[in-house]
């Protein structure tokens, strides 16, 4: 796989730390949105999880995504959640050192 997508929102990125500990060399998308909850994650919450993920996975290999498929969520909450994830990713990218 080019990118592995993993559930990580509820474990606060534990899986990202485990990937790093085992030297996983590829891109990874540990989820930052628990799709099993109807609660829309805030931008700050998603950004915090991304920052945690960056301690384990280099920015050039870290993807932002929900934990898994969104079929259990309705369109309004899905849209709001994904908009917050995009904003969080932009915020965290703006904090990274220039390359």
PDB file of N, CA and C in Angstrom:
ATOM      1  N   UNK A   1       0.839  -1.187   0.000  1.00  0.00           N
ATOM      2  CA  UNK A   1       0.000   0.000   0.000  1.00  0.00           C
ATOM      3  C   UNK A   1       0.877   1.241   0.000  1.00  0.00           C
ATOM      4  N   UNK A   2       0.430   2.267  -0.698  1.00  0.00           N
ATOM      5  CA  UNK A   2       1.147   3.537  -0.694  1.00  0.00           C
ATOM      6  C   UNK A   2       0.962   4.258   0.635  1.00  0.00           C
ATOM      7  N   UNK A   3      -0.284   4.220   1.146  1.00  0.00           N
ATOM      8  CA  UNK A   3      -0.615   4.873   2.414  1.00  0.00           C
ATOM      9  C   UNK A   3      -1.463   3.906   3.216  1.00  0.00           C
ATOM     10  N   UNK A   4      -1.106   3.718   4.468  1.00  0.00           N
ATOM     11  CA  UNK A   4      -1.918   2.879   5.337  1.00  0.00           C
ATOM     12  C   UNK A   4      -2.806   3.800   6.179  1.00  0.00           C
ATOM     13  N   UNK A   5      -4.092   3.499   6.210  1.00  0.00           N
ATOM     14  CA  UNK A   5      -5.062   4.287   6.969  1.00  0.00           C
ATOM     15  C   UNK A   5      -5.460   3.490   8.205  1.00  0.00           C
ATOM     16  N   UNK A   6      -5.365   4.128   9.364  1.00  0.00           N
ATOM     17  CA  UNK A   6      -5.577   3.426  10.627  1.00  0.00           C
ATOM     18  C   UNK A   6      -6.483   4.209  11.573  1.00  0.00           C
ATOM     19  N   UNK A   7      -7.236   3.490  12.374  1.00  0.00           N
ATOM     20  CA  UNK A   7      -8.017   4.142  13.420  1.00  0.00           C
ATOM     21  C   UNK A   7      -7.066   4.584  14.521  1.00  0.00           C
ATOM     22  N   UNK A   8      -7.112   5.867  14.872  1.00  0.00           N
ATOM     23  CA  UNK A   8      -6.183   6.376  15.880  1.00  0.00           C
ATOM     24  C   UNK A   8      -6.775   7.462  16.764  1.00  0.00           C
ATOM     25  N   UNK A   9      -7.961   7.973  16.432  1.00  0.00           N
ATOM     26  CA  UNK A   9      -8.519   9.102  17.172  1.00  0.00           C
ATOM     27  C   UNK A   9      -8.750   8.770  18.640  1.00  0.00           C
ATOM     28  N   UNK A  10      -9.336   7.631  18.910  1.00  0.00           N
ATOM     29  CA  UNK A  10      -9.651   7.282  20.301  1.00  0.00           C
ATOM     30  C   UNK A  10      -8.420   6.862  21.096  1.00  0.00           C
ATOM     31  N   UNK A  11      -7.381   6.401  20.421  1.00  0.00           N
ATOM     32  CA  UNK A  11      -6.162   5.981  21.131  1.00  0.00           C
ATOM     33  C   UNK A  11      -5.151   7.122  21.249  1.00  0.00           C
ATOM     34  N   UNK A  12      -5.530   8.323  20.782  1.00  0.00           N
ATOM     35  CA  UNK A  12      -4.644   9.496  20.836  1.00  0.00           C
ATOM     36  C   UNK A  12      -3.310   9.226  20.145  1.00  0.00           C
ATOM     37  N   UNK A  13      -3.391   8.595  18.984  1.00  0.00           N
ATOM     38  CA  UNK A  13      -2.246   8.357  18.104  1.00  0.00           C
ATOM     39  C   UNK A  13      -1.289   7.272  18.589  1.00  0.00           C
ATOM     40  N   UNK A  14      -1.733   6.397  19.449  1.00  0.00           N
ATOM     41  CA  UNK A  14      -0.872   5.299  19.903  1.00  0.00           C
ATOM     42  C   UNK A  14      -0.349   4.488  18.715  1.00  0.00           C
ATOM     43  N   UNK A  15      -1.185   4.261  17.741  1.00  0.00           N
ATOM     44  CA  UNK A  15      -0.768   3.475  16.575  1.00  0.00           C
ATOM     45  C   UNK A  15       0.359   4.168  15.810  1.00  0.00           C
ATOM     46  N   UNK A  16       0.365   5.496  15.785  1.00  0.00           N
ATOM     47  CA  UNK A  16       1.455   6.217  15.118  1.00  0.00           C
ATOM     48  C   UNK A  16       2.771   5.974  15.846  1.00  0.00           C
ATOM     49  N   UNK A  17       2.723   5.988  17.162  1.00  0.00           N
ATOM     50  CA  UNK A  17       3.933   5.713  17.941  1.00  0.00           C
ATOM     51  C   UNK A  17       4.425   4.281  17.703  1.00  0.00           C
ATOM     52  N   UNK A  18       3.494   3.351  17.578  1.00  0.00           N
ATOM     53  CA  UNK A  18       3.875   1.956  17.326  1.00  0.00           C
ATOM     54  C   UNK A  18       4.480   1.787  15.937  1.00  0.00           C
ATOM     55  N   UNK A  19       3.921   2.478  14.946  1.00  0.00           N
ATOM     56  CA  UNK A  19       4.507   2.419  13.601  1.00  0.00           C
ATOM     57  C   UNK A  19       5.940   2.931  13.628  1.00  0.00           C
ATOM     58  N   UNK A  20       6.147   4.050  14.318  1.00  0.00           N
ATOM     59  CA  UNK A  20       7.489   4.628  14.405  1.00  0.00           C
ATOM     60  C   UNK A  20       8.444   3.685  15.128  1.00  0.00           C
ATOM     61  N   UNK A  21       7.979   3.064  16.195  1.00  0.00           N
ATOM     62  CA  UNK A  21       8.824   2.152  16.974  1.00  0.00           C
ATOM     63  C   UNK A  21       9.278   0.954  16.144  1.00  0.00           C
ATOM     64  N   UNK A  22       8.473   0.572  15.164  1.00  0.00           N
ATOM     65  CA  UNK A  22       8.809  -0.571  14.321  1.00  0.00           C
ATOM     66  C   UNK A  22       9.433  -0.149  12.988  1.00  0.00           C
ATOM     67  N   UNK A  23       9.719   1.140  12.843  1.00  0.00           N
ATOM     68  CA  UNK A  23      10.396   1.622  11.648  1.00  0.00           C
ATOM     69  C   UNK A  23       9.567   1.584  10.380  1.00  0.00           C
ATOM     70  N   UNK A  24       8.247   1.772  10.492  1.00  0.00           N
ATOM     71  CA  UNK A  24       7.392   1.747   9.300  1.00  0.00           C
ATOM     72  C   UNK A  24       7.857   2.833   8.326  1.00  0.00           C
ATOM     73  N   UNK A  25       8.238   2.469   7.094  1.00  0.00           N
ATOM     74  CA  UNK A  25       8.885   3.410   6.185  1.00  0.00           C
ATOM     75  C   UNK A  25       7.964   4.171   5.229  1.00  0.00           C
ATOM     76  N   UNK A  26       6.695   3.851   5.215  1.00  0.00           N
ATOM     77  CA  UNK A  26       5.808   4.443   4.203  1.00  0.00           C
ATOM     78  C   UNK A  26       4.915   5.523   4.795  1.00  0.00           C
ATOM     79  N   UNK A  27       4.057   6.054   3.955  1.00  0.00           N
ATOM     80  CA  UNK A  27       3.122   7.076   4.400  1.00  0.00           C
ATOM     81  C   UNK A  27       2.016   6.442   5.226  1.00  0.00           C
ATOM     82  N   UNK A  28       1.499   7.228   6.195  1.00  0.00           N
ATOM     83  CA  UNK A  28       0.464   6.709   7.083  1.00  0.00           C
ATOM     84  C   UNK A  28      -0.581   7.785   7.341  1.00  0.00           C
ATOM     85  N   UNK A  29      -1.809   7.334   7.486  1.00  0.00           N
ATOM     86  CA  UNK A  29      -2.923   8.220   7.788  1.00  0.00           C
ATOM     87  C   UNK A  29      -3.636   7.769   9.048  1.00  0.00           C
ATOM     88  N   UNK A  30      -3.049   8.045  10.219  1.00  0.00           N
ATOM     89  CA  UNK A  30      -3.762   7.709  11.447  1.00  0.00           C
ATOM     90  C   UNK A  30      -4.960   8.639  11.595  1.00  0.00           C
ATOM     91  N   UNK A  31      -6.128   8.082  11.805  1.00  0.00           N
ATOM     92  CA  UNK A  31      -7.349   8.874  11.858  1.00  0.00           C
ATOM     93  C   UNK A  31      -7.368   9.902  12.970  1.00  0.00           C
ATOM     94  N   UNK A  32      -7.931  11.067  12.674  1.00  0.00           N
ATOM     95  CA  UNK A  32      -8.062  12.130  13.673  1.00  0.00           C
ATOM     96  C   UNK A  32      -9.529  12.458  13.950  1.00  0.00           C
ATOM     97  N   UNK A  33     -10.436  11.630  13.441  1.00  0.00           N
ATOM     98  CA  UNK A  33     -11.874  11.853  13.620  1.00  0.00           C
ATOM     99  C   UNK A  33     -12.513  10.510  13.919  1.00  0.00           C
ATOM    100  N   UNK A  34     -13.054  10.375  15.126  1.00  0.00           N
ATOM    101  CA  UNK A  34     -13.730   9.146  15.548  1.00  0.00           C
ATOM    102  C   UNK A  34     -15.110   9.107  14.904  1.00  0.00           C
ATOM    103  N   UNK A  35     -15.248   8.346  13.839  1.00  0.00           N
ATOM    104  CA  UNK A  35     -16.503   8.321  13.090  1.00  0.00           C
ATOM    105  C   UNK A  35     -17.602   7.539  13.796  1.00  0.00           C
ATOM    106  N   UNK A  36     -17.278   6.895  14.900  1.00  0.00           N
ATOM    107  CA  UNK A  36     -18.296   6.157  15.648  1.00  0.00           C
ATOM    108  C   UNK A  36     -19.076   7.067  16.585  1.00  0.00           C
ATOM    109  N   UNK A  37     -18.657   8.305  16.696  1.00  0.00           N
ATOM    110  CA  UNK A  37     -19.316   9.275  17.561  1.00  0.00           C
ATOM    111  C   UNK A  37     -20.005  10.329  16.699  1.00  0.00           C
ATOM    112  N   UNK A  38     -21.215  10.754  17.082  1.00  0.00           N
ATOM    113  CA  UNK A  38     -21.889  11.797  16.313  1.00  0.00           C
ATOM    114  C   UNK A  38     -21.300  13.188  16.563  1.00  0.00           C
ATOM    115  N   UNK A  39     -20.375  13.288  17.482  1.00  0.00           N
ATOM    116  CA  UNK A  39     -19.773  14.578  17.823  1.00  0.00           C
ATOM    117  C   UNK A  39     -18.827  15.033  16.714  1.00  0.00           C
ATOM    118  N   UNK A  40     -18.950  16.279  16.315  1.00  0.00           N
ATOM    119  CA  UNK A  40     -18.062  16.859  15.306  1.00  0.00           C
ATOM    120  C   UNK A  40     -16.779  17.292  16.017  1.00  0.00           C
ATOM    121  N   UNK A  41     -15.623  16.783  15.585  1.00  0.00           N
ATOM    122  CA  UNK A  41     -14.374  17.181  16.241  1.00  0.00           C
ATOM    123  C   UNK A  41     -14.047  18.639  15.937  1.00  0.00           C
ATOM    124  N   UNK A  42     -13.549  19.341  16.934  1.00  0.00           N
ATOM    125  CA  UNK A  42     -13.160  20.730  16.716  1.00  0.00           C
ATOM    126  C   UNK A  42     -11.866  20.781  15.906  1.00  0.00           C
ATOM    127  N   UNK A  43     -11.619  21.927  15.321  1.00  0.00           N
ATOM    128  CA  UNK A  43     -10.368  22.138  14.598  1.00  0.00           C
ATOM    129  C   UNK A  43      -9.187  21.953  15.542  1.00  0.00           C
ATOM    130  N   UNK A  44      -9.319  22.476  16.770  1.00  0.00           N
ATOM    131  CA  UNK A  44      -8.235  22.382  17.749  1.00  0.00           C
ATOM    132  C   UNK A  44      -7.948  20.927  18.129  1.00  0.00           C
ATOM    133  N   UNK A  45      -9.009  20.141  18.292  1.00  0.00           N
ATOM    134  CA  UNK A  45      -8.844  18.725  18.633  1.00  0.00           C
ATOM    135  C   UNK A  45      -8.099  17.981  17.522  1.00  0.00           C
ATOM    136  N   UNK A  46      -8.522  18.187  16.290  1.00  0.00           N
ATOM    137  CA  UNK A  46      -7.873  17.519  15.157  1.00  0.00           C
ATOM    138  C   UNK A  46      -6.426  17.986  15.010  1.00  0.00           C
ATOM    139  N   UNK A  47      -6.188  19.280  15.186  1.00  0.00           N
ATOM    140  CA  UNK A  47      -4.822  19.803  15.090  1.00  0.00           C
ATOM    141  C   UNK A  47      -3.940  19.204  16.181  1.00  0.00           C
ATOM    142  N   UNK A  48      -4.486  19.047  17.373  1.00  0.00           N
ATOM    143  CA  UNK A  48      -3.725  18.439  18.460  1.00  0.00           C
ATOM    144  C   UNK A  48      -3.320  17.014  18.144  1.00  0.00           C
ATOM    145  N   UNK A  49      -4.236  16.248  17.563  1.00  0.00           N
ATOM    146  CA  UNK A  49      -3.906  14.871  17.185  1.00  0.00           C
ATOM    147  C   UNK A  49      -2.862  14.841  16.067  1.00  0.00           C
ATOM    148  N   UNK A  50      -2.967  15.768  15.132  1.00  0.00           N
ATOM    149  CA  UNK A  50      -1.957  15.829  14.068  1.00  0.00           C
ATOM    150  C   UNK A  50      -0.583  16.163  14.640  1.00  0.00           C
ATOM    151  N   UNK A  51      -0.546  17.101  15.585  1.00  0.00           N
ATOM    152  CA  UNK A  51       0.736  17.443  16.213  1.00  0.00           C
ATOM    153  C   UNK A  51       1.322  16.233  16.937  1.00  0.00           C
ATOM    154  N   UNK A  52       0.458  15.478  17.603  1.00  0.00           N
ATOM    155  CA  UNK A  52       0.912  14.256  18.272  1.00  0.00           C
ATOM    156  C   UNK A  52       1.453  13.269  17.242  1.00  0.00           C
ATOM    157  N   UNK A  53       0.748  13.138  16.130  1.00  0.00           N
ATOM    158  CA  UNK A  53       1.203  12.243  15.070  1.00  0.00           C
ATOM    159  C   UNK A  53       2.554  12.638  14.509  1.00  0.00           C
ATOM    160  N   UNK A  54       2.819  13.937  14.467  1.00  0.00           N
ATOM    161  CA  UNK A  54       4.099  14.419  13.936  1.00  0.00           C
ATOM    162  C   UNK A  54       5.286  14.046  14.818  1.00  0.00           C
ATOM    163  N   UNK A  55       5.035  13.709  16.062  1.00  0.00           N
ATOM    164  CA  UNK A  55       6.121  13.248  16.934  1.00  0.00           C
ATOM    165  C   UNK A  55       6.595  11.858  16.507  1.00  0.00           C
ATOM    166  N   UNK A  56       5.754  11.147  15.773  1.00  0.00           N
ATOM    167  CA  UNK A  56       6.082   9.777  15.379  1.00  0.00           C
ATOM    168  C   UNK A  56       6.285   9.606  13.876  1.00  0.00           C
ATOM    169  N   UNK A  57       5.593  10.401  13.082  1.00  0.00           N
ATOM    170  CA  UNK A  57       5.623  10.249  11.625  1.00  0.00           C
ATOM    171  C   UNK A  57       6.041  11.582  11.016  1.00  0.00           C
ATOM    172  N   UNK A  58       7.060  11.608  10.159  1.00  0.00           N
ATOM    173  CA  UNK A  58       7.484  12.858   9.532  1.00  0.00           C
ATOM    174  C   UNK A  58       6.350  13.488   8.713  1.00  0.00           C
ATOM    175  N   UNK A  59       6.327  14.799   8.669  1.00  0.00           N
ATOM    176  CA  UNK A  59       5.252  15.536   7.999  1.00  0.00           C
ATOM    177  C   UNK A  59       5.047  15.086   6.556  1.00  0.00           C
ATOM    178  N   UNK A  60       6.128  14.795   5.853  1.00  0.00           N
ATOM    179  CA  UNK A  60       5.991  14.412   4.440  1.00  0.00           C
ATOM    180  C   UNK A  60       5.359  13.037   4.263  1.00  0.00           C
ATOM    181  N   UNK A  61       5.203  12.288   5.349  1.00  0.00           N
ATOM    182  CA  UNK A  61       4.572  10.965   5.268  1.00  0.00           C
ATOM    183  C   UNK A  61       3.261  10.886   6.043  1.00  0.00           C
ATOM    184  N   UNK A  62       2.836  11.981   6.667  1.00  0.00           N
ATOM    185  CA  UNK A  62       1.628  11.976   7.491  1.00  0.00           C
ATOM    186  C   UNK A  62       0.430  12.512   6.711  1.00  0.00           C
ATOM    187  N   UNK A  63      -0.625  11.723   6.661  1.00  0.00           N
ATOM    188  CA  UNK A  63      -1.867  12.115   6.010  1.00  0.00           C
ATOM    189  C   UNK A  63      -2.907  12.413   7.077  1.00  0.00           C
ATOM    190  N   UNK A  64      -3.857  13.278   6.751  1.00  0.00           N
ATOM    191  CA  UNK A  64      -4.979  13.541   7.656  1.00  0.00           C
ATOM    192  C   UNK A  64      -6.214  12.868   7.074  1.00  0.00           C
ATOM    193  N   UNK A  65      -6.904  12.121   7.912  1.00  0.00           N
ATOM    194  CA  UNK A  65      -8.125  11.446   7.470  1.00  0.00           C
ATOM    195  C   UNK A  65      -8.948  11.019   8.681  1.00  0.00           C
ATOM    196  N   UNK A  66     -10.229  10.702   8.446  1.00  0.00           N
ATOM    197  CA  UNK A  66     -11.046  10.145   9.530  1.00  0.00           C
ATOM    198  C   UNK A  66     -10.588   8.719   9.832  1.00  0.00           C
ATOM    199  N   UNK A  67     -11.058   8.183  10.950  1.00  0.00           N
ATOM    200  CA  UNK A  67     -10.666   6.825  11.330  1.00  0.00           C
ATOM    201  C   UNK A  67     -10.967   5.804  10.238  1.00  0.00           C
ATOM    202  N   UNK A  68     -12.096   5.865   9.620  1.00  0.00           N
ATOM    203  CA  UNK A  68     -12.431   4.935   8.532  1.00  0.00           C
ATOM    204  C   UNK A  68     -13.622   5.509   7.774  1.00  0.00           C
ATOM    205  N   UNK A  69     -14.386   4.681   7.117  1.00  0.00           N
ATOM    206  CA  UNK A  69     -15.513   5.138   6.315  1.00  0.00           C
ATOM    207  C   UNK A  69     -16.522   5.960   7.101  1.00  0.00           C
ATOM    208  N   UNK A  70     -17.257   6.769   6.397  1.00  0.00           N
ATOM    209  CA  UNK A  70     -18.193   7.700   7.028  1.00  0.00           C
ATOM    210  C   UNK A  70     -19.644   7.277   6.873  1.00  0.00           C
ATOM    211  N   UNK A  71     -19.896   6.020   6.528  1.00  0.00           N
ATOM    212  CA  UNK A  71     -21.267   5.601   6.232  1.00  0.00           C
ATOM    213  C   UNK A  71     -22.192   5.666   7.439  1.00  0.00           C
ATOM    214  N   UNK A  72     -21.651   5.713   8.656  1.00  0.00           N
ATOM    215  CA  UNK A  72     -22.503   5.792   9.853  1.00  0.00           C
ATOM    216  C   UNK A  72     -22.871   7.224  10.206  1.00  0.00           C
ATOM    217  N   UNK A  73     -22.356   8.196   9.484  1.00  0.00           N
ATOM    218  CA  UNK A  73     -22.594   9.605   9.775  1.00  0.00           C
ATOM    219  C   UNK A  73     -23.477  10.239   8.701  1.00  0.00           C
ATOM    220  N   UNK A  74     -24.243  11.241   9.100  1.00  0.00           N
ATOM    221  CA  UNK A  74     -25.067  11.984   8.148  1.00  0.00           C
ATOM    222  C   UNK A  74     -24.239  13.042   7.439  1.00  0.00           C
ATOM    223  N   UNK A  75     -24.778  13.571   6.341  1.00  0.00           N
ATOM    224  CA  UNK A  75     -24.043  14.555   5.549  1.00  0.00           C
ATOM    225  C   UNK A  75     -23.683  15.814   6.323  1.00  0.00           C
ATOM    226  N   UNK A  76     -24.602  16.409   7.108  1.00  0.00           N
ATOM    227  CA  UNK A  76     -24.232  17.652   7.801  1.00  0.00           C
ATOM    228  C   UNK A  76     -23.032  17.477   8.741  1.00  0.00           C
ATOM    229  N   UNK A  77     -23.035  16.414   9.549  1.00  0.00           N
ATOM    230  CA  UNK A  77     -21.904  16.228  10.470  1.00  0.00           C
ATOM    231  C   UNK A  77     -20.638  15.799   9.725  1.00  0.00           C
ATOM    232  N   UNK A  78     -20.801  15.045   8.637  1.00  0.00           N
ATOM    233  CA  UNK A  78     -19.635  14.642   7.846  1.00  0.00           C
ATOM    234  C   UNK A  78     -18.966  15.862   7.238  1.00  0.00           C
ATOM    235  N   UNK A  79     -19.757  16.719   6.642  1.00  0.00           N
ATOM    236  CA  UNK A  79     -19.202  17.926   6.018  1.00  0.00           C
ATOM    237  C   UNK A  79     -18.504  18.812   7.051  1.00  0.00           C
ATOM    238  N   UNK A  80     -19.178  19.056   8.176  1.00  0.00           N
ATOM    239  CA  UNK A  80     -18.591  19.903   9.223  1.00  0.00           C
ATOM    240  C   UNK A  80     -17.288  19.295   9.748  1.00  0.00           C
ATOM    241  N   UNK A  81     -17.278  17.986   9.941  1.00  0.00           N
ATOM    242  CA  UNK A  81     -16.081  17.313  10.450  1.00  0.00           C
ATOM    243  C   UNK A  81     -14.925  17.405   9.460  1.00  0.00           C
ATOM    244  N   UNK A  82     -15.202  17.146   8.194  1.00  0.00           N
ATOM    245  CA  UNK A  82     -14.138  17.196   7.187  1.00  0.00           C
ATOM    246  C   UNK A  82     -13.624  18.619   6.986  1.00  0.00           C
ATOM    247  N   UNK A  83     -14.515  19.604   7.076  1.00  0.00           N
ATOM    248  CA  UNK A  83     -14.068  21.001   6.997  1.00  0.00           C
ATOM    249  C   UNK A  83     -13.115  21.313   8.146  1.00  0.00           C
ATOM    250  N   UNK A  84     -13.428  20.820   9.346  1.00  0.00           N
ATOM    251  CA  UNK A  84     -12.547  21.043  10.494  1.00  0.00           C
ATOM    252  C   UNK A  84     -11.210  20.326  10.316  1.00  0.00           C
ATOM    253  N   UNK A  85     -11.225  19.144   9.723  1.00  0.00           N
ATOM    254  CA  UNK A  85      -9.974  18.422   9.474  1.00  0.00           C
ATOM    255  C   UNK A  85      -9.091  19.179   8.483  1.00  0.00           C
ATOM    256  N   UNK A  86      -9.697  19.737   7.442  1.00  0.00           N
ATOM    257  CA  UNK A  86      -8.931  20.514   6.458  1.00  0.00           C
ATOM    258  C   UNK A  86      -8.328  21.750   7.120  1.00  0.00           C
ATOM    259  N   UNK A  87      -9.121  22.451   7.925  1.00  0.00           N
ATOM    260  CA  UNK A  87      -8.618  23.633   8.625  1.00  0.00           C
ATOM    261  C   UNK A  87      -7.490  23.254   9.575  1.00  0.00           C
ATOM    262  N   UNK A  88      -7.650  22.147  10.288  1.00  0.00           N
ATOM    263  CA  UNK A  88      -6.609  21.681  11.213  1.00  0.00           C
ATOM    264  C   UNK A  88      -5.321  21.371  10.457  1.00  0.00           C
ATOM    265  N   UNK A  89      -5.435  20.687   9.329  1.00  0.00           N
ATOM    266  CA  UNK A  89      -4.246  20.351   8.538  1.00  0.00           C
ATOM    267  C   UNK A  89      -3.541  21.618   8.061  1.00  0.00           C
ATOM    268  N   UNK A  90      -4.300  22.595   7.616  1.00  0.00           N
ATOM    269  CA  UNK A  90      -3.698  23.858   7.161  1.00  0.00           C
ATOM    270  C   UNK A  90      -2.998  24.573   8.316  1.00  0.00           C
ATOM    271  N   UNK A  91      -3.632  24.566   9.478  1.00  0.00           N
ATOM    272  CA  UNK A  91      -3.044  25.206  10.658  1.00  0.00           C
ATOM    273  C   UNK A  91      -1.724  24.547  11.022  1.00  0.00           C
ATOM    274  N   UNK A  92      -1.732  23.226  11.103  1.00  0.00           N
ATOM    275  CA  UNK A  92      -0.516  22.506  11.493  1.00  0.00           C
ATOM    276  C   UNK A  92       0.568  22.663  10.430  1.00  0.00           C
ATOM    277  N   UNK A  93       0.207  22.643   9.158  1.00  0.00           N
ATOM    278  CA  UNK A  93       1.204  22.853   8.096  1.00  0.00           C
ATOM    279  C   UNK A  93       1.856  24.228   8.226  1.00  0.00           C
ATOM    280  N   UNK A  94       1.059  25.229   8.605  1.00  0.00           N
ATOM    281  CA  UNK A  94       1.605  26.587   8.733  1.00  0.00           C
ATOM    282  C   UNK A  94       2.595  26.696   9.892  1.00  0.00           C
ATOM    283  N   UNK A  95       2.545  25.766  10.822  1.00  0.00           N
ATOM    284  CA  UNK A  95       3.452  25.763  11.973  1.00  0.00           C
ATOM    285  C   UNK A  95       4.768  25.036  11.684  1.00  0.00           C
ATOM    286  N   UNK A  96       4.812  24.289  10.597  1.00  0.00           N
ATOM    287  CA  UNK A  96       6.010  23.511  10.267  1.00  0.00           C
ATOM    288  C   UNK A  96       7.114  24.421   9.747  1.00  0.00           C
ATOM    289  N   UNK A  97       8.361  24.048  10.003  1.00  0.00           N
ATOM    290  CA  UNK A  97       9.467  24.835   9.458  1.00  0.00           C
ATOM    291  C   UNK A  97       9.442  24.813   7.932  1.00  0.00           C
ATOM    292  N   UNK A  98       9.854  25.897   7.336  1.00  0.00           N
ATOM    293  CA  UNK A  98       9.905  25.976   5.871  1.00  0.00           C
ATOM    294  C   UNK A  98      10.948  24.999   5.348  1.00  0.00           C
ATOM    295  N   UNK A  99      10.618  24.388   4.210  1.00  0.00           N
ATOM    296  CA  UNK A  99      11.573  23.448   3.608  1.00  0.00           C
ATOM    297  C   UNK A  99      12.137  23.993   2.327  1.00  0.00           C
TER     298      UNK A  99
END
